[in-house]
Amino acid sequence: MGFLSGVLGAVKNENEVITYDVNGHLNKLPQEINKKMYKGPHEFCLALSNIGAVLGYYDAEVNRRINAVVENNSNGTLYALQSQIDKNIRNLQDSLTTKKYEDVVAQWKDVVTDGLTALIKSAESAINELDTPLKTKVTNDFEKIKTAVNNLNDSANRDVDQLRRLGKKVEERFSTLRLNVYTEIRNQINALDETLKKAFAEIKKSISAVEKALAQVKSNLASWSEAAMRIVNAGIKKCEKLLERLDEENYGDRYATIRKNAEILQRRAPKL
């Protein structure tokens, strides 16, 4: 019992002990043991029970503080930080497929860094609750994480600037492309218009040639008709003179056939 009291007395002021001895029970334990020394088995058992309880509280506090930093669930601040980073990445991927480019750029920094600053502070606070030697070991690695998150913030700001510049370049390029397309369409329309005009001009020219040819044919038909009419009229007059002569000289039946044919020719001549 005396040896145990001596050991506890030697370590009670160590940083590793003071840090986790929240209520000072471990600090008081050597004194409590000394009071129960040489008082028989019963007091000895009570002292051992008290030692077990105090060490149990101490161990629980150590585990609680360590788990607050490294526990592999939502209670561990570093795990929570990692989970938030993964969540931010998923949210960013979702926004890239569901939102407009302008909205993604506007929300980029907020989505990338969402919740990270608060979680860094929580992890830092949990690390500060550890004893000095352990805190020193953890802090070295944690500072790397902290620096990476800070760099992520800076990178997110740069990404937004780069994305905005990229968006501007894309818009400028798209405007140029759109102008080129419209210009090409307009040129094609103008070319088609010229082609159609030429085609219609050729058609009109052909129609004019046909109309001219028809007019010439009509003119020729009129001339032929006039000539034919003169011939017919002359024939009618000759028939009339022949009939008159036959009537005057009274040839009788000898020229009946001639008279008949002359009358037929006289009737048919106007129809020609």
C-alpha atoms as a PDB file:
ATOM      1  CA  MET A   1       0.000   0.000   0.000  1.00  0.00           C
ATOM      2  CA  GLY A   2       2.859   2.364   0.860  1.00  0.00           C
ATOM      3  CA  PHE A   3       4.560   1.614  -2.468  1.00  0.00           C
ATOM      4  CA  LEU A   4       1.333   2.383  -4.367  1.00  0.00           C
ATOM      5  CA  SER A   5       0.929   5.596  -2.448  1.00  0.00           C
ATOM      6  CA  GLY A   6       4.499   6.552  -3.330  1.00  0.00           C
ATOM      7  CA  VAL A   7       3.968   5.853  -7.043  1.00  0.00           C
ATOM      8  CA  LEU A   8       0.750   7.866  -7.150  1.00  0.00           C
ATOM      9  CA  GLY A   9       2.399  10.675  -5.248  1.00  0.00           C
ATOM     10  CA  ALA A  10       5.250  10.768  -7.758  1.00  0.00           C
ATOM     11  CA  VAL A  11       2.999  11.064 -10.827  1.00  0.00           C
ATOM     12  CA  LYS A  12       0.126  13.150  -9.499  1.00  0.00           C
ATOM     13  CA  ASN A  13       1.693  16.414 -10.661  1.00  0.00           C
ATOM     14  CA  GLU A  14       2.627  15.149 -14.121  1.00  0.00           C
ATOM     15  CA  ASN A  15       0.919  16.969 -16.995  1.00  0.00           C
ATOM     16  CA  GLU A  16      -0.564  13.726 -18.281  1.00  0.00           C
ATOM     17  CA  VAL A  17      -2.248  13.233 -14.872  1.00  0.00           C
ATOM     18  CA  ILE A  18      -3.292  16.813 -14.155  1.00  0.00           C
ATOM     19  CA  THR A  19      -4.864  17.204 -17.610  1.00  0.00           C
ATOM     20  CA  TYR A  20      -7.338  14.358 -17.175  1.00  0.00           C
ATOM     21  CA  ASP A  21      -7.788  14.491 -13.364  1.00  0.00           C
ATOM     22  CA  VAL A  22     -10.800  16.769 -13.767  1.00  0.00           C
ATOM     23  CA  ASN A  23     -12.045  16.693 -10.165  1.00  0.00           C
ATOM     24  CA  GLY A  24      -8.622  16.215  -8.543  1.00  0.00           C
ATOM     25  CA  HIS A  25      -9.490  12.726  -7.258  1.00  0.00           C
ATOM     26  CA  LEU A  26      -6.225  11.231  -8.481  1.00  0.00           C
ATOM     27  CA  ASN A  27      -4.278  14.057  -6.881  1.00  0.00           C
ATOM     28  CA  LYS A  28      -5.944  13.355  -3.535  1.00  0.00           C
ATOM     29  CA  LEU A  29      -5.590   9.581  -3.797  1.00  0.00           C
ATOM     30  CA  PRO A  30      -2.113   9.251  -2.132  1.00  0.00           C
ATOM     31  CA  GLN A  31      -3.383  11.172   0.864  1.00  0.00           C
ATOM     32  CA  GLU A  32      -6.484   8.968   1.076  1.00  0.00           C
ATOM     33  CA  ILE A  33      -4.313   5.844   0.935  1.00  0.00           C
ATOM     34  CA  ASN A  34      -2.044   7.103   3.680  1.00  0.00           C
ATOM     35  CA  LYS A  35      -5.083   7.586   5.930  1.00  0.00           C
ATOM     36  CA  LYS A  36      -6.133   3.966   5.508  1.00  0.00           C
ATOM     37  CA  MET A  37      -2.722   2.395   5.933  1.00  0.00           C
ATOM     38  CA  TYR A  38      -2.264   0.046   8.884  1.00  0.00           C
ATOM     39  CA  LYS A  39      -6.002   0.032   9.646  1.00  0.00           C
ATOM     40  CA  GLY A  40      -6.731  -3.550   8.779  1.00  0.00           C
ATOM     41  CA  PRO A  41      -8.042  -5.570   5.835  1.00  0.00           C
ATOM     42  CA  HIS A  42     -11.364  -3.743   5.606  1.00  0.00           C
ATOM     43  CA  GLU A  43      -9.784  -0.335   5.188  1.00  0.00           C
ATOM     44  CA  PHE A  44      -7.296  -1.846   2.763  1.00  0.00           C
ATOM     45  CA  CYS A  45     -10.166  -3.159   0.585  1.00  0.00           C
ATOM     46  CA  LEU A  46     -11.876   0.216   0.688  1.00  0.00           C
ATOM     47  CA  ALA A  47      -8.650   1.872  -0.384  1.00  0.00           C
ATOM     48  CA  LEU A  48      -8.250  -0.519  -3.318  1.00  0.00           C
ATOM     49  CA  SER A  49     -11.871   0.055  -4.386  1.00  0.00           C
ATOM     50  CA  ASN A  50     -11.339   3.799  -4.239  1.00  0.00           C
ATOM     51  CA  ILE A  51      -8.147   3.474  -6.299  1.00  0.00           C
ATOM     52  CA  GLY A  52     -10.012   1.401  -8.923  1.00  0.00           C
ATOM     53  CA  ALA A  53     -12.843   3.931  -9.127  1.00  0.00           C
ATOM     54  CA  VAL A  54     -10.505   6.924  -9.431  1.00  0.00           C
ATOM     55  CA  LEU A  55      -8.398   5.218 -12.091  1.00  0.00           C
ATOM     56  CA  GLY A  56     -11.610   4.242 -13.923  1.00  0.00           C
ATOM     57  CA  TYR A  57     -12.767   7.883 -13.998  1.00  0.00           C
ATOM     58  CA  TYR A  58      -9.301   8.926 -15.112  1.00  0.00           C
ATOM     59  CA  ASP A  59      -9.214   6.345 -17.929  1.00  0.00           C
ATOM     60  CA  ALA A  60     -12.724   7.313 -19.083  1.00  0.00           C
ATOM     61  CA  GLU A  61     -11.713  10.986 -19.276  1.00  0.00           C
ATOM     62  CA  VAL A  62      -8.584  10.102 -21.253  1.00  0.00           C
ATOM     63  CA  ASN A  63     -10.615   8.039 -23.733  1.00  0.00           C
ATOM     64  CA  ARG A  64     -13.313  10.716 -24.015  1.00  0.00           C
ATOM     65  CA  ARG A  65     -10.828  13.414 -24.929  1.00  0.00           C
ATOM     66  CA  ILE A  66      -8.860  11.228 -27.322  1.00  0.00           C
ATOM     67  CA  ASN A  67     -12.041  10.003 -29.013  1.00  0.00           C
ATOM     68  CA  ALA A  68     -13.207  13.602 -29.370  1.00  0.00           C
ATOM     69  CA  VAL A  69     -10.266  13.992 -31.724  1.00  0.00           C
ATOM     70  CA  VAL A  70      -9.860  10.656 -33.514  1.00  0.00           C
ATOM     71  CA  GLU A  71     -12.972   8.494 -32.957  1.00  0.00           C
ATOM     72  CA  ASN A  72     -14.154   6.970 -36.231  1.00  0.00           C
ATOM     73  CA  ASN A  73     -17.736   8.266 -36.049  1.00  0.00           C
ATOM     74  CA  SER A  74     -19.583  11.560 -35.835  1.00  0.00           C
ATOM     75  CA  ASN A  75     -18.190  12.152 -32.312  1.00  0.00           C
ATOM     76  CA  GLY A  76     -14.637  12.400 -33.647  1.00  0.00           C
ATOM     77  CA  THR A  77     -13.897  15.939 -34.856  1.00  0.00           C
ATOM     78  CA  LEU A  78     -11.320  14.841 -37.445  1.00  0.00           C
ATOM     79  CA  TYR A  79     -13.712  12.196 -38.756  1.00  0.00           C
ATOM     80  CA  ALA A  80     -16.459  14.825 -38.921  1.00  0.00           C
ATOM     81  CA  LEU A  81     -14.094  17.081 -40.871  1.00  0.00           C
ATOM     82  CA  GLN A  82     -13.320  14.300 -43.333  1.00  0.00           C
ATOM     83  CA  SER A  83     -17.036  13.477 -43.714  1.00  0.00           C
ATOM     84  CA  GLN A  84     -17.866  17.128 -44.378  1.00  0.00           C
ATOM     85  CA  ILE A  85     -15.189  17.342 -47.071  1.00  0.00           C
ATOM     86  CA  ASP A  86     -16.628  14.216 -48.745  1.00  0.00           C
ATOM     87  CA  LYS A  87     -20.122  15.704 -48.483  1.00  0.00           C
ATOM     88  CA  ASN A  88     -18.966  18.974 -50.042  1.00  0.00           C
ATOM     89  CA  ILE A  89     -17.411  17.069 -52.939  1.00  0.00           C
ATOM     90  CA  ARG A  90     -20.673  15.179 -53.556  1.00  0.00           C
ATOM     91  CA  ASN A  91     -22.709  18.382 -53.353  1.00  0.00           C
ATOM     92  CA  LEU A  92     -20.363  20.036 -55.818  1.00  0.00           C
ATOM     93  CA  GLN A  93     -20.642  17.101 -58.220  1.00  0.00           C
ATOM     94  CA  ASP A  94     -24.441  17.214 -57.944  1.00  0.00           C
ATOM     95  CA  SER A  95     -24.543  20.956 -58.584  1.00  0.00           C
ATOM     96  CA  LEU A  96     -22.413  20.520 -61.708  1.00  0.00           C
ATOM     97  CA  THR A  97     -25.063  18.223 -63.193  1.00  0.00           C
ATOM     98  CA  THR A  98     -28.245  19.921 -61.942  1.00  0.00           C
ATOM     99  CA  LYS A  99     -27.590  23.669 -61.940  1.00  0.00           C
ATOM    100  CA  LYS A 100     -26.743  26.350 -64.454  1.00  0.00           C
ATOM    101  CA  TYR A 101     -23.095  27.261 -64.931  1.00  0.00           C
ATOM    102  CA  GLU A 102     -23.601  30.764 -63.489  1.00  0.00           C
ATOM    103  CA  ASP A 103     -25.211  29.357 -60.329  1.00  0.00           C
ATOM    104  CA  VAL A 104     -22.430  26.785 -59.865  1.00  0.00           C
ATOM    105  CA  VAL A 105     -19.769  29.488 -60.104  1.00  0.00           C
ATOM    106  CA  ALA A 106     -21.643  31.768 -57.689  1.00  0.00           C
ATOM    107  CA  GLN A 107     -21.988  28.972 -55.097  1.00  0.00           C
ATOM    108  CA  TRP A 108     -18.642  27.255 -55.747  1.00  0.00           C
ATOM    109  CA  LYS A 109     -16.692  28.623 -52.768  1.00  0.00           C
ATOM    110  CA  ASP A 110     -19.598  28.167 -50.339  1.00  0.00           C
ATOM    111  CA  VAL A 111     -20.145  24.559 -51.444  1.00  0.00           C
ATOM    112  CA  VAL A 112     -16.433  23.656 -51.358  1.00  0.00           C
ATOM    113  CA  THR A 113     -15.747  25.176 -47.919  1.00  0.00           C
ATOM    114  CA  ASP A 114     -19.157  24.614 -46.301  1.00  0.00           C
ATOM    115  CA  GLY A 115     -18.767  23.855 -42.572  1.00  0.00           C
ATOM    116  CA  LEU A 116     -14.998  23.326 -42.712  1.00  0.00           C
ATOM    117  CA  THR A 117     -13.983  26.389 -40.682  1.00  0.00           C
ATOM    118  CA  ALA A 118     -16.284  25.460 -37.789  1.00  0.00           C
ATOM    119  CA  LEU A 119     -15.079  21.853 -37.828  1.00  0.00           C
ATOM    120  CA  ILE A 120     -11.442  22.981 -37.826  1.00  0.00           C
ATOM    121  CA  LYS A 121     -12.162  25.045 -34.716  1.00  0.00           C
ATOM    122  CA  SER A 122     -13.927  22.088 -33.073  1.00  0.00           C
ATOM    123  CA  ALA A 123     -11.004  19.781 -33.813  1.00  0.00           C
ATOM    124  CA  GLU A 124      -8.534  22.386 -32.584  1.00  0.00           C
ATOM    125  CA  SER A 125     -10.515  22.788 -29.366  1.00  0.00           C
ATOM    126  CA  ALA A 126     -10.604  19.006 -28.847  1.00  0.00           C
ATOM    127  CA  ILE A 127      -6.836  18.737 -29.408  1.00  0.00           C
ATOM    128  CA  ASN A 128      -6.211  21.480 -26.856  1.00  0.00           C
ATOM    129  CA  GLU A 129      -7.977  19.286 -24.284  1.00  0.00           C
ATOM    130  CA  LEU A 130      -5.229  16.649 -24.589  1.00  0.00           C
ATOM    131  CA  ASP A 131      -2.116  16.480 -22.412  1.00  0.00           C
ATOM    132  CA  THR A 132       0.899  18.429 -23.655  1.00  0.00           C
ATOM    133  CA  PRO A 133       3.039  15.551 -25.055  1.00  0.00           C
ATOM    134  CA  LEU A 134       0.099  13.995 -26.892  1.00  0.00           C
ATOM    135  CA  LYS A 135      -1.156  17.392 -28.039  1.00  0.00           C
ATOM    136  CA  THR A 136       2.281  18.155 -29.484  1.00  0.00           C
ATOM    137  CA  LYS A 137       2.285  14.927 -31.477  1.00  0.00           C
ATOM    138  CA  VAL A 138      -1.256  15.428 -32.763  1.00  0.00           C
ATOM    139  CA  THR A 139      -0.792  19.131 -33.482  1.00  0.00           C
ATOM    140  CA  ASN A 140       1.980  18.483 -35.991  1.00  0.00           C
ATOM    141  CA  ASP A 141      -0.344  16.403 -38.158  1.00  0.00           C
ATOM    142  CA  PHE A 142      -3.341  18.606 -37.465  1.00  0.00           C
ATOM    143  CA  GLU A 143      -1.493  21.715 -38.660  1.00  0.00           C
ATOM    144  CA  LYS A 144      -1.008  19.976 -42.002  1.00  0.00           C
ATOM    145  CA  ILE A 145      -4.749  19.349 -42.167  1.00  0.00           C
ATOM    146  CA  LYS A 146      -5.489  22.924 -41.135  1.00  0.00           C
ATOM    147  CA  THR A 147      -3.099  24.267 -43.759  1.00  0.00           C
ATOM    148  CA  ALA A 148      -4.696  22.064 -46.412  1.00  0.00           C
ATOM    149  CA  VAL A 149      -8.167  23.389 -45.512  1.00  0.00           C
ATOM    150  CA  ASN A 150      -6.907  26.976 -45.580  1.00  0.00           C
ATOM    151  CA  ASN A 151      -5.341  26.277 -48.954  1.00  0.00           C
ATOM    152  CA  LEU A 152      -8.669  24.846 -50.042  1.00  0.00           C
ATOM    153  CA  ASN A 153     -10.342  28.138 -49.098  1.00  0.00           C
ATOM    154  CA  ASP A 154      -7.757  30.082 -51.070  1.00  0.00           C
ATOM    155  CA  SER A 155      -7.998  27.613 -53.927  1.00  0.00           C
ATOM    156  CA  ALA A 156     -11.794  27.913 -53.947  1.00  0.00           C
ATOM    157  CA  ASN A 157     -11.465  31.683 -54.297  1.00  0.00           C
ATOM    158  CA  ARG A 158      -9.014  31.208 -57.155  1.00  0.00           C
ATOM    159  CA  ASP A 159     -11.271  28.583 -58.698  1.00  0.00           C
ATOM    160  CA  VAL A 160     -14.189  31.025 -58.667  1.00  0.00           C
ATOM    161  CA  ASP A 161     -12.055  33.650 -60.398  1.00  0.00           C
ATOM    162  CA  GLN A 162     -10.824  31.087 -62.910  1.00  0.00           C
ATOM    163  CA  LEU A 163     -14.322  29.756 -63.501  1.00  0.00           C
ATOM    164  CA  ARG A 164     -15.655  33.254 -64.047  1.00  0.00           C
ATOM    165  CA  ARG A 165     -12.850  34.001 -66.497  1.00  0.00           C
ATOM    166  CA  LEU A 166     -13.506  30.666 -68.168  1.00  0.00           C
ATOM    167  CA  GLY A 167     -17.222  31.432 -68.328  1.00  0.00           C
ATOM    168  CA  LYS A 168     -16.463  34.812 -69.901  1.00  0.00           C
ATOM    169  CA  LYS A 169     -14.181  33.201 -72.476  1.00  0.00           C
ATOM    170  CA  VAL A 170     -16.801  30.563 -73.249  1.00  0.00           C
ATOM    171  CA  GLU A 171     -19.449  33.262 -73.658  1.00  0.00           C
ATOM    172  CA  GLU A 172     -17.164  35.308 -75.914  1.00  0.00           C
ATOM    173  CA  ARG A 173     -16.333  32.239 -77.969  1.00  0.00           C
ATOM    174  CA  PHE A 174     -19.985  31.276 -78.143  1.00  0.00           C
ATOM    175  CA  SER A 175     -20.908  34.803 -79.278  1.00  0.00           C
ATOM    176  CA  THR A 176     -18.270  34.631 -82.006  1.00  0.00           C
ATOM    177  CA  LEU A 177     -19.458  31.189 -83.062  1.00  0.00           C
ATOM    178  CA  ARG A 178     -23.074  32.347 -83.053  1.00  0.00           C
ATOM    179  CA  LEU A 179     -22.144  35.384 -85.191  1.00  0.00           C
ATOM    180  CA  ASN A 180     -20.250  33.157 -87.623  1.00  0.00           C
ATOM    181  CA  VAL A 181     -23.225  30.818 -87.889  1.00  0.00           C
ATOM    182  CA  TYR A 182     -25.654  33.691 -88.480  1.00  0.00           C
ATOM    183  CA  THR A 183     -23.302  35.218 -91.065  1.00  0.00           C
ATOM    184  CA  GLU A 184     -22.972  31.904 -92.883  1.00  0.00           C
ATOM    185  CA  ILE A 185     -26.739  31.414 -92.855  1.00  0.00           C
ATOM    186  CA  ARG A 186     -27.267  34.933 -94.208  1.00  0.00           C
ATOM    187  CA  ASN A 187     -24.678  34.338 -96.947  1.00  0.00           C
ATOM    188  CA  GLN A 188     -26.334  31.063 -97.896  1.00  0.00           C
ATOM    189  CA  ILE A 189     -29.737  32.759 -98.025  1.00  0.00           C
ATOM    190  CA  ASN A 190     -28.351  35.584-100.181  1.00  0.00           C
ATOM    191  CA  ALA A 191     -26.687  33.070-102.496  1.00  0.00           C
ATOM    192  CA  LEU A 192     -29.910  31.080-102.759  1.00  0.00           C
ATOM    193  CA  ASP A 193     -31.836  34.295-103.437  1.00  0.00           C
ATOM    194  CA  GLU A 194     -29.456  35.186-106.274  1.00  0.00           C
ATOM    195  CA  THR A 195     -29.726  31.669-107.693  1.00  0.00           C
ATOM    196  CA  LEU A 196     -33.526  31.832-107.612  1.00  0.00           C
ATOM    197  CA  LYS A 197     -33.530  35.274-109.212  1.00  0.00           C
ATOM    198  CA  LYS A 198     -31.325  34.018-112.042  1.00  0.00           C
ATOM    199  CA  ALA A 199     -33.487  30.929-112.461  1.00  0.00           C
ATOM    200  CA  PHE A 200     -36.670  33.028-112.592  1.00  0.00           C
ATOM    201  CA  ALA A 201     -34.986  35.411-115.055  1.00  0.00           C
ATOM    202  CA  GLU A 202     -34.148  32.470-117.317  1.00  0.00           C
ATOM    203  CA  ILE A 203     -37.701  31.147-117.007  1.00  0.00           C
ATOM    204  CA  LYS A 204     -39.084  34.608-117.797  1.00  0.00           C
ATOM    205  CA  LYS A 205     -36.722  34.867-120.761  1.00  0.00           C
ATOM    206  CA  SER A 206     -37.917  31.491-122.048  1.00  0.00           C
ATOM    207  CA  ILE A 207     -41.546  32.506-121.561  1.00  0.00           C
ATOM    208  CA  SER A 208     -40.900  35.759-123.447  1.00  0.00           C
ATOM    209  CA  ALA A 209     -39.325  33.779-126.310  1.00  0.00           C
ATOM    210  CA  VAL A 210     -42.345  31.469-126.418  1.00  0.00           C
ATOM    211  CA  GLU A 211     -44.714  34.449-126.341  1.00  0.00           C
ATOM    212  CA  LYS A 212     -42.741  36.087-129.173  1.00  0.00           C
ATOM    213  CA  ALA A 213     -42.841  32.874-131.210  1.00  0.00           C
ATOM    214  CA  LEU A 214     -46.588  32.539-130.600  1.00  0.00           C
ATOM    215  CA  ALA A 215     -47.086  36.156-131.645  1.00  0.00           C
ATOM    216  CA  GLN A 216     -45.157  35.452-134.852  1.00  0.00           C
ATOM    217  CA  VAL A 217     -47.240  32.350-135.517  1.00  0.00           C
ATOM    218  CA  LYS A 218     -50.398  34.348-134.852  1.00  0.00           C
ATOM    219  CA  SER A 219     -49.180  37.057-137.232  1.00  0.00           C
ATOM    220  CA  ASN A 220     -48.362  34.448-139.866  1.00  0.00           C
ATOM    221  CA  LEU A 221     -51.773  32.830-139.408  1.00  0.00           C
ATOM    222  CA  ALA A 222     -53.438  36.216-139.801  1.00  0.00           C
ATOM    223  CA  SER A 223     -51.495  36.888-143.012  1.00  0.00           C
ATOM    224  CA  TRP A 224     -52.331  33.425-144.322  1.00  0.00           C
ATOM    225  CA  SER A 225     -55.973  33.903-143.361  1.00  0.00           C
ATOM    226  CA  GLU A 226     -56.119  37.226-145.189  1.00  0.00           C
ATOM    227  CA  ALA A 227     -54.502  35.728-148.284  1.00  0.00           C
ATOM    228  CA  ALA A 228     -56.836  32.748-148.121  1.00  0.00           C
ATOM    229  CA  MET A 229     -59.794  35.091-147.718  1.00  0.00           C
ATOM    230  CA  ARG A 230     -58.758  37.019-150.811  1.00  0.00           C
ATOM    231  CA  ILE A 231     -58.453  33.806-152.792  1.00  0.00           C
ATOM    232  CA  VAL A 232     -61.822  32.575-151.514  1.00  0.00           C
ATOM    233  CA  ASN A 233     -63.471  35.910-152.292  1.00  0.00           C
ATOM    234  CA  ALA A 234     -61.980  35.857-155.766  1.00  0.00           C
ATOM    235  CA  GLY A 235     -63.269  32.306-156.226  1.00  0.00           C
ATOM    236  CA  ILE A 236     -66.714  33.340-155.012  1.00  0.00           C
ATOM    237  CA  LYS A 237     -66.794  36.215-157.491  1.00  0.00           C
ATOM    238  CA  LYS A 238     -65.773  33.910-160.337  1.00  0.00           C
ATOM    239  CA  CYS A 239     -68.483  31.456-159.296  1.00  0.00           C
ATOM    240  CA  GLU A 240     -71.008  34.272-159.256  1.00  0.00           C
ATOM    241  CA  LYS A 241     -69.930  35.447-162.716  1.00  0.00           C
ATOM    242  CA  LEU A 242     -70.046  31.878-164.008  1.00  0.00           C
ATOM    243  CA  LEU A 243     -73.554  31.395-162.653  1.00  0.00           C
ATOM    244  CA  GLU A 244     -74.660  34.695-164.099  1.00  0.00           C
ATOM    245  CA  ARG A 245     -73.247  33.710-167.482  1.00  0.00           C
ATOM    246  CA  LEU A 246     -74.962  30.351-167.355  1.00  0.00           C
ATOM    247  CA  ASP A 247     -78.236  32.051-166.492  1.00  0.00           C
ATOM    248  CA  GLU A 248     -77.880  34.593-169.284  1.00  0.00           C
ATOM    249  CA  GLU A 249     -77.002  32.138-172.036  1.00  0.00           C
ATOM    250  CA  ASN A 250     -79.469  29.475-170.893  1.00  0.00           C
ATOM    251  CA  TYR A 251     -77.377  26.435-171.662  1.00  0.00           C
ATOM    252  CA  GLY A 252     -79.986  24.169-170.228  1.00  0.00           C
ATOM    253  CA  ASP A 253     -79.166  20.748-168.937  1.00  0.00           C
ATOM    254  CA  ARG A 254     -75.799  20.528-170.656  1.00  0.00           C
ATOM    255  CA  TYR A 255     -74.119  22.573-167.967  1.00  0.00           C
ATOM    256  CA  ALA A 256     -76.348  21.506-165.077  1.00  0.00           C
ATOM    257  CA  THR A 257     -73.441  19.730-163.388  1.00  0.00           C
ATOM    258  CA  ILE A 258     -71.185  22.767-163.753  1.00  0.00           C
ATOM    259  CA  ARG A 259     -73.897  24.973-162.280  1.00  0.00           C
ATOM    260  CA  LYS A 260     -74.458  22.588-159.398  1.00  0.00           C
ATOM    261  CA  ASN A 261     -70.743  22.454-158.515  1.00  0.00           C
ATOM    262  CA  ALA A 262     -70.470  26.232-158.802  1.00  0.00           C
ATOM    263  CA  GLU A 263     -73.351  26.664-156.366  1.00  0.00           C
ATOM    264  CA  ILE A 264     -71.753  24.197-153.924  1.00  0.00           C
ATOM    265  CA  LEU A 265     -68.431  26.051-154.128  1.00  0.00           C
ATOM    266  CA  GLN A 266     -70.235  29.339-153.581  1.00  0.00           C
ATOM    267  CA  ARG A 267     -71.902  28.014-150.412  1.00  0.00           C
ATOM    268  CA  ARG A 268     -68.749  26.427-148.984  1.00  0.00           C
ATOM    269  CA  ALA A 269     -66.354  29.256-149.732  1.00  0.00           C
ATOM    270  CA  PRO A 270     -67.308  31.423-146.681  1.00  0.00           C
ATOM    271  CA  LYS A 271     -66.758  28.416-144.356  1.00  0.00           C
ATOM    272  CA  LEU A 272     -63.163  28.121-145.538  1.00  0.00           C
END
